[in-house]
Amino acid sequence: MLRLDTQFEIQNVSYPKLFKVITPEEFVSHGTAGCAGAASFDDLMLWLDESSTANQEQWLSVPVGGFLLPSNSSELDHVSAALLKNPKDSLVVQPGDVIAVSPGSNVVRVLYRRGANSNLLFMTDRCNSLCLMCSQPPKDVDDRWHVDENLKLIDLVDRGAEQLGISGGEPTLYRDGLLAIIEHAKRVLPEKSVHILSNGRLLSDPSWISDLQRVNHPNLTWGVPLYADNAADHDNVVQAPGAFSETIAGLYNLQRAGQKIEIRMVLSKLTTPRLGEWAHFVFRNLPFVHHVALMGIENTGLAKKNYEQLWIDPADYQKELNQAAFFLDIRGIAVSIYNLPLCVLDPVLGRFYRQSISDWKNLFIDTCQTCSATDACAGFFKSHSTKWQSRSIHPLSVDDLIIMQGALCESA
């Protein structure tokens, strides 16, 4: 998920505000039409880099909401609009971004990045589960303000066909807000697909069925994790008694509402021993799902605390992964493998591999520098450490890539 920020010198910000960052050229050619929804000049922030230096004073008189100077600049006390200058990291904020600023803070958050594969509407830090491998441990806070922020964010993003994610925490905790966001995205961004990550537990309430049918977003997918083929194991992973039954009921309600469903499985020491049984369970009991994502673990958040319970070398579950992937595939359920370095896979699994780790948080280690697959590989999470590194990591040759049977350049 996209959560970038850096520090600026900030002036003239008196209340929390979102801005769409645009160049002078884009302002002249598109104005507010560069935003997908309702926007005014006050929502725009002009990017005044070195190419604008000669005409800077003229641009500073344009009646927009603010100005961003990405390089070092002198005092501009005569400017009354919001002013961002002298960033700590000049690469974090770029033209096309939607950013958030607040009074009393010098931090600028990037909420949307033009062309990124990880743009996300963040709903809440709250969650009703406490998964052992949660990368972002939940907080007991009232953060409903994210709903209004996301409604505004939808108005300011670019038009285009890339996917928007919705996540948390658990998005369904703010039910009315989530439904409003889905409906607003349908109206303002009809060309964008929307993918919601949810544990599915609150969807066990059947009244969701009529609400989702009423909103009727044509290209909405729910990604719901199911960590076992039985209640005891699933409930242990999510640390919530009764969660398995609630999630299964939620999945059936999504199906009744005509929703697209993706089942997610995080691969760990707790989940991989019964991958075969799990795949059988999904096919027998959830044959309506359109996609299954088998995902490597992200070694951050609670995963670090629970290392001994979770860590298994991917080299040691390739047989189980192979069985599960091909079992589902030959029965017509689409399968993807996410968040693992390509070189750890059994070569026959290459057809299922996706370059999935978000572009802003993946890296390649020294071993990868002579590899021929870096353009097709997800690499490692930036939280990577040798403690979580497979013994199978090795550079791949061009011939190795040919053996991998395709699907190498797809993105999740």
Protein backbone atom coordinates (compact mmCIF):
# COMPACT_ATOMS: atom_id res chain seq x y z
CA MET A 1 0.00 0.00 0.00
CA LEU A 2 1.15 3.49 -0.74
CA ARG A 3 2.14 5.36 2.42
CA LEU A 4 4.95 7.76 1.59
CA ASP A 5 5.80 10.92 3.44
CA THR A 6 8.56 13.45 3.90
CA GLN A 7 9.16 16.73 5.68
CA PHE A 8 8.85 20.20 4.15
CA GLU A 9 9.04 23.73 5.37
CA ILE A 10 5.33 24.56 5.38
CA GLN A 11 3.62 27.94 5.56
CA ASN A 12 0.02 29.15 5.51
CA VAL A 13 -1.73 25.89 6.37
CA SER A 14 -4.52 26.50 8.90
CA TYR A 15 -6.57 23.28 8.59
CA PRO A 16 -6.07 19.72 7.25
CA LYS A 17 -6.16 19.78 3.48
CA LEU A 18 -5.65 17.58 0.42
CA PHE A 19 -3.99 18.97 -2.71
CA LYS A 20 -3.48 17.67 -6.23
CA VAL A 21 0.09 18.52 -7.28
CA ILE A 22 0.28 19.65 -10.92
CA THR A 23 2.84 21.34 -13.14
CA PRO A 24 2.20 24.77 -14.67
CA GLU A 25 1.89 23.10 -18.07
CA GLU A 26 -0.81 20.77 -16.77
CA PHE A 27 -2.57 23.68 -15.09
CA VAL A 28 -2.70 25.60 -18.36
CA SER A 29 -3.82 22.63 -20.45
CA HIS A 30 -6.27 20.97 -18.03
CA GLY A 31 -6.93 23.12 -14.99
CA THR A 32 -9.24 21.30 -12.58
CA ALA A 33 -10.15 18.81 -15.33
CA GLY A 34 -6.96 16.99 -14.39
CA CYS A 35 -8.91 15.73 -11.37
CA ALA A 36 -11.42 12.91 -11.76
CA GLY A 37 -14.21 14.50 -9.72
CA ALA A 38 -15.36 17.80 -8.30
CA ALA A 39 -12.39 20.10 -7.73
CA SER A 40 -11.65 23.81 -7.54
CA PHE A 41 -8.48 25.85 -8.03
CA ASP A 42 -8.16 25.78 -4.24
CA ASP A 43 -7.54 22.01 -4.47
CA LEU A 44 -4.54 22.46 -6.78
CA MET A 45 -0.90 22.90 -5.77
CA LEU A 46 1.46 24.17 -8.46
CA TRP A 47 4.81 22.42 -8.80
CA LEU A 48 7.36 25.18 -9.38
CA ASP A 49 10.73 23.58 -10.13
CA GLU A 50 13.80 25.04 -11.82
CA SER A 51 12.04 25.19 -15.18
CA SER A 52 9.62 27.73 -13.70
CA THR A 53 12.27 29.95 -12.10
CA ALA A 54 12.20 32.62 -14.79
CA ASN A 55 8.45 33.12 -14.36
CA GLN A 56 8.15 32.22 -10.70
CA GLU A 57 6.66 35.51 -9.55
CA GLN A 58 3.98 35.33 -12.22
CA TRP A 59 3.10 31.75 -11.27
CA LEU A 60 2.98 32.70 -7.57
CA SER A 61 0.18 35.13 -8.40
CA VAL A 62 -2.06 32.38 -9.83
CA PRO A 63 -5.12 31.85 -7.57
CA VAL A 64 -4.52 28.19 -6.62
CA GLY A 65 -4.55 26.56 -3.21
CA GLY A 66 -0.80 26.29 -2.86
CA PHE A 67 2.67 26.12 -4.33
CA LEU A 68 5.36 23.47 -4.00
CA LEU A 69 8.99 24.37 -4.58
CA PRO A 70 10.95 21.08 -4.77
CA SER A 71 14.36 22.75 -4.67
CA ASN A 72 15.91 25.08 -2.11
CA SER A 73 14.25 28.46 -2.11
CA SER A 74 14.39 31.76 -0.30
CA GLU A 75 11.74 33.37 1.90
CA LEU A 76 8.43 34.05 0.19
CA ASP A 77 6.59 35.96 2.88
CA HIS A 78 4.37 37.71 0.35
CA VAL A 79 2.65 34.41 -0.60
CA SER A 80 -0.65 33.87 1.24
CA ALA A 81 -1.51 30.47 -0.27
CA ALA A 82 -0.18 27.22 1.23
CA LEU A 83 3.54 26.99 0.58
CA LEU A 84 5.69 23.84 0.65
CA LYS A 85 9.41 24.21 0.11
CA ASN A 86 12.83 22.72 0.86
CA PRO A 87 11.77 19.07 1.17
CA LYS A 88 13.89 16.67 3.18
CA ASP A 89 13.61 14.16 0.31
CA SER A 90 12.81 15.82 -3.01
CA LEU A 91 11.85 12.50 -4.65
CA VAL A 92 8.91 11.67 -2.38
CA VAL A 93 6.37 14.16 -3.76
CA GLN A 94 5.98 14.34 -7.53
CA PRO A 95 3.59 15.97 -10.04
CA GLY A 96 0.33 14.05 -10.23
CA ASP A 97 0.40 13.12 -6.55
CA VAL A 98 -2.42 13.83 -4.15
CA ILE A 99 -0.92 14.94 -0.85
CA ALA A 100 -2.21 15.67 2.66
CA VAL A 101 -0.97 18.50 4.88
CA SER A 102 -2.00 19.55 8.38
CA PRO A 103 -1.38 22.61 10.54
CA GLY A 104 1.31 22.25 13.15
CA SER A 105 3.09 19.50 11.23
CA ASN A 106 5.91 19.60 8.69
CA VAL A 107 5.06 16.12 7.35
CA VAL A 108 3.49 15.78 3.92
CA ARG A 109 1.76 12.47 3.20
CA VAL A 110 1.39 11.10 -0.33
CA LEU A 111 -2.05 9.50 -0.64
CA TYR A 112 -2.02 8.85 -4.37
CA ARG A 113 0.81 8.47 -6.87
CA ARG A 114 0.23 8.78 -10.58
CA GLY A 115 0.99 5.46 -12.29
CA ALA A 116 1.80 3.52 -9.11
CA ASN A 117 0.69 -0.11 -8.68
CA SER A 118 -0.12 0.38 -4.99
CA ASN A 119 -2.61 3.23 -4.70
CA LEU A 120 -4.81 2.65 -1.70
CA LEU A 121 -7.70 4.24 0.15
CA PHE A 122 -6.77 3.64 3.78
CA MET A 123 -9.90 3.21 5.91
CA THR A 124 -8.82 2.66 9.50
CA ASP A 125 -6.13 1.43 11.89
CA ARG A 126 -8.79 -0.54 13.78
CA CYS A 127 -9.37 -4.26 13.33
CA ASN A 128 -11.48 -6.98 14.94
CA SER A 129 -8.76 -9.61 14.43
CA LEU A 130 -5.13 -9.74 15.55
CA CYS A 131 -3.40 -11.88 12.93
CA LEU A 132 -0.08 -13.33 14.02
CA MET A 133 1.62 -11.98 10.88
CA CYS A 134 -0.18 -8.62 10.67
CA SER A 135 2.14 -6.14 8.99
CA GLN A 136 0.32 -3.20 10.55
CA PRO A 137 -0.86 -4.00 14.08
CA PRO A 138 -4.29 -2.52 14.82
CA LYS A 139 -4.91 0.44 17.09
CA ASP A 140 -7.93 1.17 19.26
CA VAL A 141 -8.70 4.62 17.87
CA ASP A 142 -11.61 6.54 16.40
CA ASP A 143 -10.31 7.44 12.96
CA ARG A 144 -13.54 7.92 11.02
CA TRP A 145 -11.98 11.03 9.52
CA HIS A 146 -10.39 8.70 6.97
CA VAL A 147 -13.84 8.34 5.36
CA ASP A 148 -14.09 12.03 4.45
CA GLU A 149 -10.43 12.08 3.42
CA ASN A 150 -11.01 9.19 1.01
CA LEU A 151 -14.14 10.73 -0.47
CA LYS A 152 -12.11 13.85 -1.28
CA LEU A 153 -9.18 11.78 -2.49
CA ILE A 154 -11.39 10.04 -5.05
CA ASP A 155 -12.27 13.46 -6.50
CA LEU A 156 -8.62 14.46 -6.90
CA VAL A 157 -6.99 11.36 -8.39
CA ASP A 158 -6.33 10.89 -12.10
CA ARG A 159 -8.83 9.28 -14.39
CA GLY A 160 -7.59 6.01 -15.82
CA ALA A 161 -8.00 2.29 -15.61
CA GLU A 162 -5.56 1.34 -12.86
CA GLN A 163 -6.82 -0.39 -9.72
CA LEU A 164 -7.59 1.32 -6.43
CA GLY A 165 -7.27 -0.66 -3.21
CA ILE A 166 -9.27 -0.17 -0.02
CA SER A 167 -7.74 -1.50 3.17
CA GLY A 168 -7.02 -0.97 6.86
CA GLY A 169 -7.26 -2.36 9.52
CA GLU A 170 -10.69 -3.72 8.77
CA PRO A 171 -12.66 -1.49 6.35
CA THR A 172 -16.08 -2.96 7.22
CA LEU A 173 -15.84 -1.54 10.75
CA TYR A 174 -16.96 1.77 9.19
CA ARG A 175 -19.80 0.27 7.22
CA ASP A 176 -21.66 3.40 6.12
CA GLY A 177 -18.41 5.14 5.23
CA LEU A 178 -17.18 2.17 3.20
CA LEU A 179 -20.44 1.96 1.26
CA ALA A 180 -20.29 5.70 0.57
CA ILE A 181 -16.73 5.36 -0.73
CA ILE A 182 -17.64 2.44 -3.00
CA GLU A 183 -20.61 4.39 -4.36
CA HIS A 184 -18.54 7.54 -4.89
CA ALA A 185 -15.81 5.56 -6.68
CA LYS A 186 -18.44 4.02 -8.95
CA ARG A 187 -19.74 7.48 -9.88
CA VAL A 188 -16.45 9.39 -10.20
CA LEU A 189 -14.05 6.65 -11.32
CA PRO A 190 -16.15 4.17 -13.32
CA GLU A 191 -13.12 3.05 -15.31
CA LYS A 192 -11.12 2.01 -12.22
CA SER A 193 -11.46 -1.39 -10.60
CA VAL A 194 -11.66 -1.42 -6.80
CA HIS A 195 -10.16 -4.11 -4.58
CA ILE A 196 -11.17 -4.29 -0.91
CA LEU A 197 -9.12 -6.21 1.63
CA SER A 198 -11.37 -7.47 4.43
CA ASN A 199 -11.31 -10.34 6.90
CA GLY A 200 -14.96 -10.91 5.99
CA ARG A 201 -16.17 -11.39 9.55
CA LEU A 202 -18.66 -8.52 9.74
CA LEU A 203 -19.99 -9.47 6.30
CA SER A 204 -21.65 -12.42 8.04
CA ASP A 205 -24.49 -9.97 8.74
CA PRO A 206 -26.92 -10.72 5.86
CA SER A 207 -28.04 -7.08 5.64
CA TRP A 208 -24.81 -6.43 3.70
CA ILE A 209 -26.37 -8.29 0.78
CA SER A 210 -29.00 -5.67 -0.02
CA ASP A 211 -26.55 -2.80 0.60
CA LEU A 212 -24.00 -4.18 -1.84
CA GLN A 213 -26.69 -4.94 -4.40
CA ARG A 214 -27.95 -1.38 -4.07
CA VAL A 215 -24.50 0.14 -4.64
CA ASN A 216 -23.84 -2.36 -7.45
CA HIS A 217 -20.26 -1.43 -8.31
CA PRO A 218 -19.55 -3.25 -11.61
CA ASN A 219 -15.85 -3.88 -11.02
CA LEU A 220 -15.41 -4.48 -7.30
CA THR A 221 -13.44 -7.38 -5.83
CA TRP A 222 -13.24 -8.48 -2.21
CA GLY A 223 -9.94 -10.03 -1.10
CA VAL A 224 -10.69 -12.18 1.95
CA PRO A 225 -8.06 -14.25 3.80
CA LEU A 226 -8.80 -17.85 4.70
CA TYR A 227 -5.88 -19.43 6.53
CA ALA A 228 -7.08 -22.99 7.02
CA ASP A 229 -9.65 -25.58 6.08
CA ASN A 230 -10.81 -25.79 9.68
CA ALA A 231 -11.88 -23.40 12.44
CA ALA A 232 -9.20 -24.22 15.01
CA ASP A 233 -6.26 -23.43 12.73
CA HIS A 234 -7.79 -20.35 11.10
CA ASP A 235 -8.91 -18.88 14.42
CA ASN A 236 -5.43 -19.43 15.84
CA VAL A 237 -3.78 -17.50 12.99
CA VAL A 238 -6.16 -14.55 13.32
CA GLN A 239 -6.31 -14.79 17.13
CA ALA A 240 -10.11 -14.50 17.17
CA PRO A 241 -12.37 -17.36 18.32
CA GLY A 242 -15.30 -17.83 15.96
CA ALA A 243 -13.61 -15.98 13.09
CA PHE A 244 -13.64 -18.99 10.73
CA SER A 245 -17.41 -19.39 10.91
CA GLU A 246 -17.96 -15.64 10.51
CA THR A 247 -15.62 -15.46 7.51
CA ILE A 248 -17.28 -18.40 5.76
CA ALA A 249 -20.71 -16.83 6.34
CA GLY A 250 -19.36 -13.52 5.04
CA LEU A 251 -18.06 -15.20 1.88
CA TYR A 252 -21.46 -16.77 1.20
CA ASN A 253 -23.15 -13.40 1.70
CA LEU A 254 -20.73 -11.81 -0.79
CA GLN A 255 -21.67 -14.50 -3.28
CA ARG A 256 -25.38 -13.89 -2.69
CA ALA A 257 -24.75 -10.18 -3.33
CA GLY A 258 -23.13 -10.98 -6.67
CA GLN A 259 -19.66 -9.84 -5.64
CA LYS A 260 -16.32 -10.92 -7.12
CA ILE A 261 -14.28 -12.76 -4.49
CA GLU A 262 -10.58 -13.44 -4.10
CA ILE A 263 -9.37 -15.82 -1.39
CA ARG A 264 -6.00 -14.97 0.13
CA MET A 265 -3.59 -17.31 1.89
CA VAL A 266 -0.39 -16.13 3.61
CA LEU A 267 2.19 -18.90 3.47
CA SER A 268 3.76 -19.69 6.85
CA LYS A 269 4.74 -22.59 9.08
CA LEU A 270 1.17 -22.60 10.39
CA THR A 271 -0.61 -22.62 7.01
CA THR A 272 1.54 -24.57 4.55
CA PRO A 273 1.35 -28.11 6.03
CA ARG A 274 -2.34 -28.38 5.05
CA LEU A 275 -2.25 -26.45 1.77
CA GLY A 276 -3.54 -29.49 -0.09
CA GLU A 277 -6.50 -29.93 2.24
CA TRP A 278 -7.09 -26.18 2.14
CA ALA A 279 -7.25 -26.18 -1.68
CA HIS A 280 -9.77 -29.05 -1.57
CA PHE A 281 -11.86 -27.10 0.96
CA VAL A 282 -11.88 -23.97 -1.22
CA PHE A 283 -12.95 -25.91 -4.30
CA ARG A 284 -15.64 -27.94 -2.52
CA ASN A 285 -17.09 -25.17 -0.38
CA LEU A 286 -16.26 -21.92 -2.24
CA PRO A 287 -16.30 -22.86 -5.94
CA PHE A 288 -17.68 -19.41 -6.80
CA VAL A 289 -14.43 -17.56 -5.98
CA HIS A 290 -12.75 -16.15 -9.09
CA HIS A 291 -9.19 -15.94 -7.83
CA VAL A 292 -6.89 -17.43 -5.19
CA ALA A 293 -3.75 -15.57 -4.09
CA LEU A 294 -0.99 -17.55 -2.37
CA MET A 295 1.25 -15.01 -0.68
CA GLY A 296 4.69 -14.91 0.86
CA ILE A 297 4.86 -13.40 4.32
CA GLU A 298 5.96 -9.79 4.94
CA ASN A 299 8.47 -9.81 7.78
CA THR A 300 7.32 -6.74 9.63
CA GLY A 301 4.80 -5.78 12.31
CA LEU A 302 3.59 -8.71 14.39
CA ALA A 303 5.38 -11.20 12.13
CA LYS A 304 8.69 -10.24 13.73
CA LYS A 305 7.32 -10.93 17.18
CA ASN A 306 5.96 -14.32 16.07
CA TYR A 307 8.96 -15.43 13.99
CA GLU A 308 9.29 -18.87 15.60
CA GLN A 309 5.62 -19.69 14.94
CA LEU A 310 5.60 -18.37 11.39
CA TRP A 311 8.92 -18.77 9.60
CA ILE A 312 9.35 -21.61 7.18
CA ASP A 313 11.81 -21.54 4.29
CA PRO A 314 9.79 -21.37 1.05
CA ALA A 315 12.07 -24.10 -0.24
CA ASP A 316 10.41 -26.42 2.25
CA TYR A 317 6.82 -25.94 1.08
CA GLN A 318 7.21 -26.08 -2.71
CA LYS A 319 5.61 -29.53 -2.91
CA GLU A 320 2.51 -28.35 -1.02
CA LEU A 321 2.39 -25.09 -3.00
CA ASN A 322 2.62 -27.03 -6.25
CA GLN A 323 -0.20 -29.37 -5.27
CA ALA A 324 -2.53 -26.57 -4.16
CA ALA A 325 -1.88 -24.31 -7.17
CA PHE A 326 -2.38 -27.00 -9.81
CA PHE A 327 -5.36 -28.56 -8.01
CA LEU A 328 -7.23 -25.23 -8.13
CA ASP A 329 -6.00 -24.31 -11.61
CA ILE A 330 -7.21 -27.44 -13.35
CA ARG A 331 -10.60 -26.93 -11.72
CA GLY A 332 -11.00 -23.50 -13.24
CA ILE A 333 -10.06 -21.23 -10.32
CA ALA A 334 -7.44 -18.62 -11.24
CA VAL A 335 -4.31 -18.84 -9.08
CA SER A 336 -1.55 -16.30 -8.42
CA ILE A 337 1.61 -16.53 -6.32
CA TYR A 338 2.58 -13.23 -4.72
CA ASN A 339 5.38 -11.73 -2.64
CA LEU A 340 8.10 -14.35 -3.11
CA PRO A 341 11.42 -14.02 -4.96
CA LEU A 342 11.09 -15.85 -8.25
CA CYS A 343 14.18 -17.98 -7.67
CA VAL A 344 12.66 -19.84 -4.69
CA LEU A 345 9.85 -21.33 -6.78
CA ASP A 346 9.64 -24.75 -8.32
CA PRO A 347 10.09 -23.78 -12.01
CA VAL A 348 6.74 -25.32 -13.00
CA LEU A 349 5.01 -22.71 -10.82
CA GLY A 350 6.30 -19.86 -12.99
CA ARG A 351 2.96 -19.66 -14.81
CA PHE A 352 1.30 -18.54 -11.56
CA TYR A 353 3.92 -16.01 -10.51
CA ARG A 354 3.13 -12.30 -10.26
CA GLN A 355 5.44 -9.33 -9.75
CA SER A 356 3.39 -8.25 -6.79
CA ILE A 357 5.32 -6.35 -4.11
CA SER A 358 4.35 -2.69 -4.26
CA ASP A 359 6.85 -0.63 -6.24
CA TRP A 360 7.65 1.67 -3.30
CA LYS A 361 8.55 -1.09 -0.84
CA ASN A 362 10.45 -3.74 -2.78
CA LEU A 363 14.20 -4.20 -3.05
CA PHE A 364 16.83 -6.50 -4.49
CA ILE A 365 19.73 -7.78 -2.40
CA ASP A 366 23.36 -8.18 -3.49
CA THR A 367 22.74 -11.72 -4.76
CA CYS A 368 20.23 -10.29 -7.24
CA GLN A 369 22.70 -8.01 -8.99
CA THR A 370 23.75 -10.69 -11.51
CA CYS A 371 20.25 -12.13 -11.92
CA SER A 372 18.48 -12.02 -15.30
CA ALA A 373 15.04 -11.97 -13.68
CA THR A 374 14.95 -8.67 -11.80
CA ASP A 375 12.57 -7.14 -14.34
CA ALA A 376 10.14 -10.00 -13.75
CA CYS A 377 10.71 -10.65 -10.04
CA ALA A 378 8.89 -9.17 -7.05
CA GLY A 379 12.17 -9.09 -5.14
CA PHE A 380 12.04 -8.63 -1.37
CA PHE A 381 10.11 -6.41 1.00
CA LYS A 382 12.18 -3.52 2.32
CA SER A 383 11.74 -5.05 5.76
CA HIS A 384 13.79 -8.03 4.53
CA SER A 385 16.50 -9.51 6.74
CA THR A 386 18.71 -12.57 6.41
CA LYS A 387 16.74 -14.13 9.26
CA TRP A 388 13.80 -14.44 6.83
CA GLN A 389 15.85 -15.38 3.75
CA SER A 390 15.47 -18.67 1.93
CA ARG A 391 18.48 -20.88 1.36
CA SER A 392 17.28 -21.12 -2.26
CA ILE A 393 18.03 -17.49 -3.18
CA HIS A 394 20.27 -17.46 -6.28
CA PRO A 395 20.65 -15.54 -9.54
CA LEU A 396 18.59 -16.84 -12.47
CA SER A 397 19.88 -17.12 -16.02
CA VAL A 398 18.00 -16.38 -19.22
CA ASP A 399 17.61 -20.12 -19.71
CA ASP A 400 16.09 -20.40 -16.24
CA LEU A 401 13.50 -17.80 -17.24
CA ILE A 402 12.57 -19.75 -20.35
CA ILE A 403 11.97 -22.83 -18.21
CA MET A 404 9.65 -20.82 -15.95
CA GLN A 405 6.86 -21.18 -18.58
CA GLY A 406 5.67 -17.60 -18.89
CA ALA A 407 3.54 -15.19 -16.83
CA LEU A 408 6.72 -13.43 -15.74
CA CYS A 409 5.88 -9.91 -16.76
CA GLU A 410 2.39 -9.70 -15.32
CA SER A 411 1.69 -7.44 -12.37
CA ALA A 412 -0.75 -8.07 -9.58
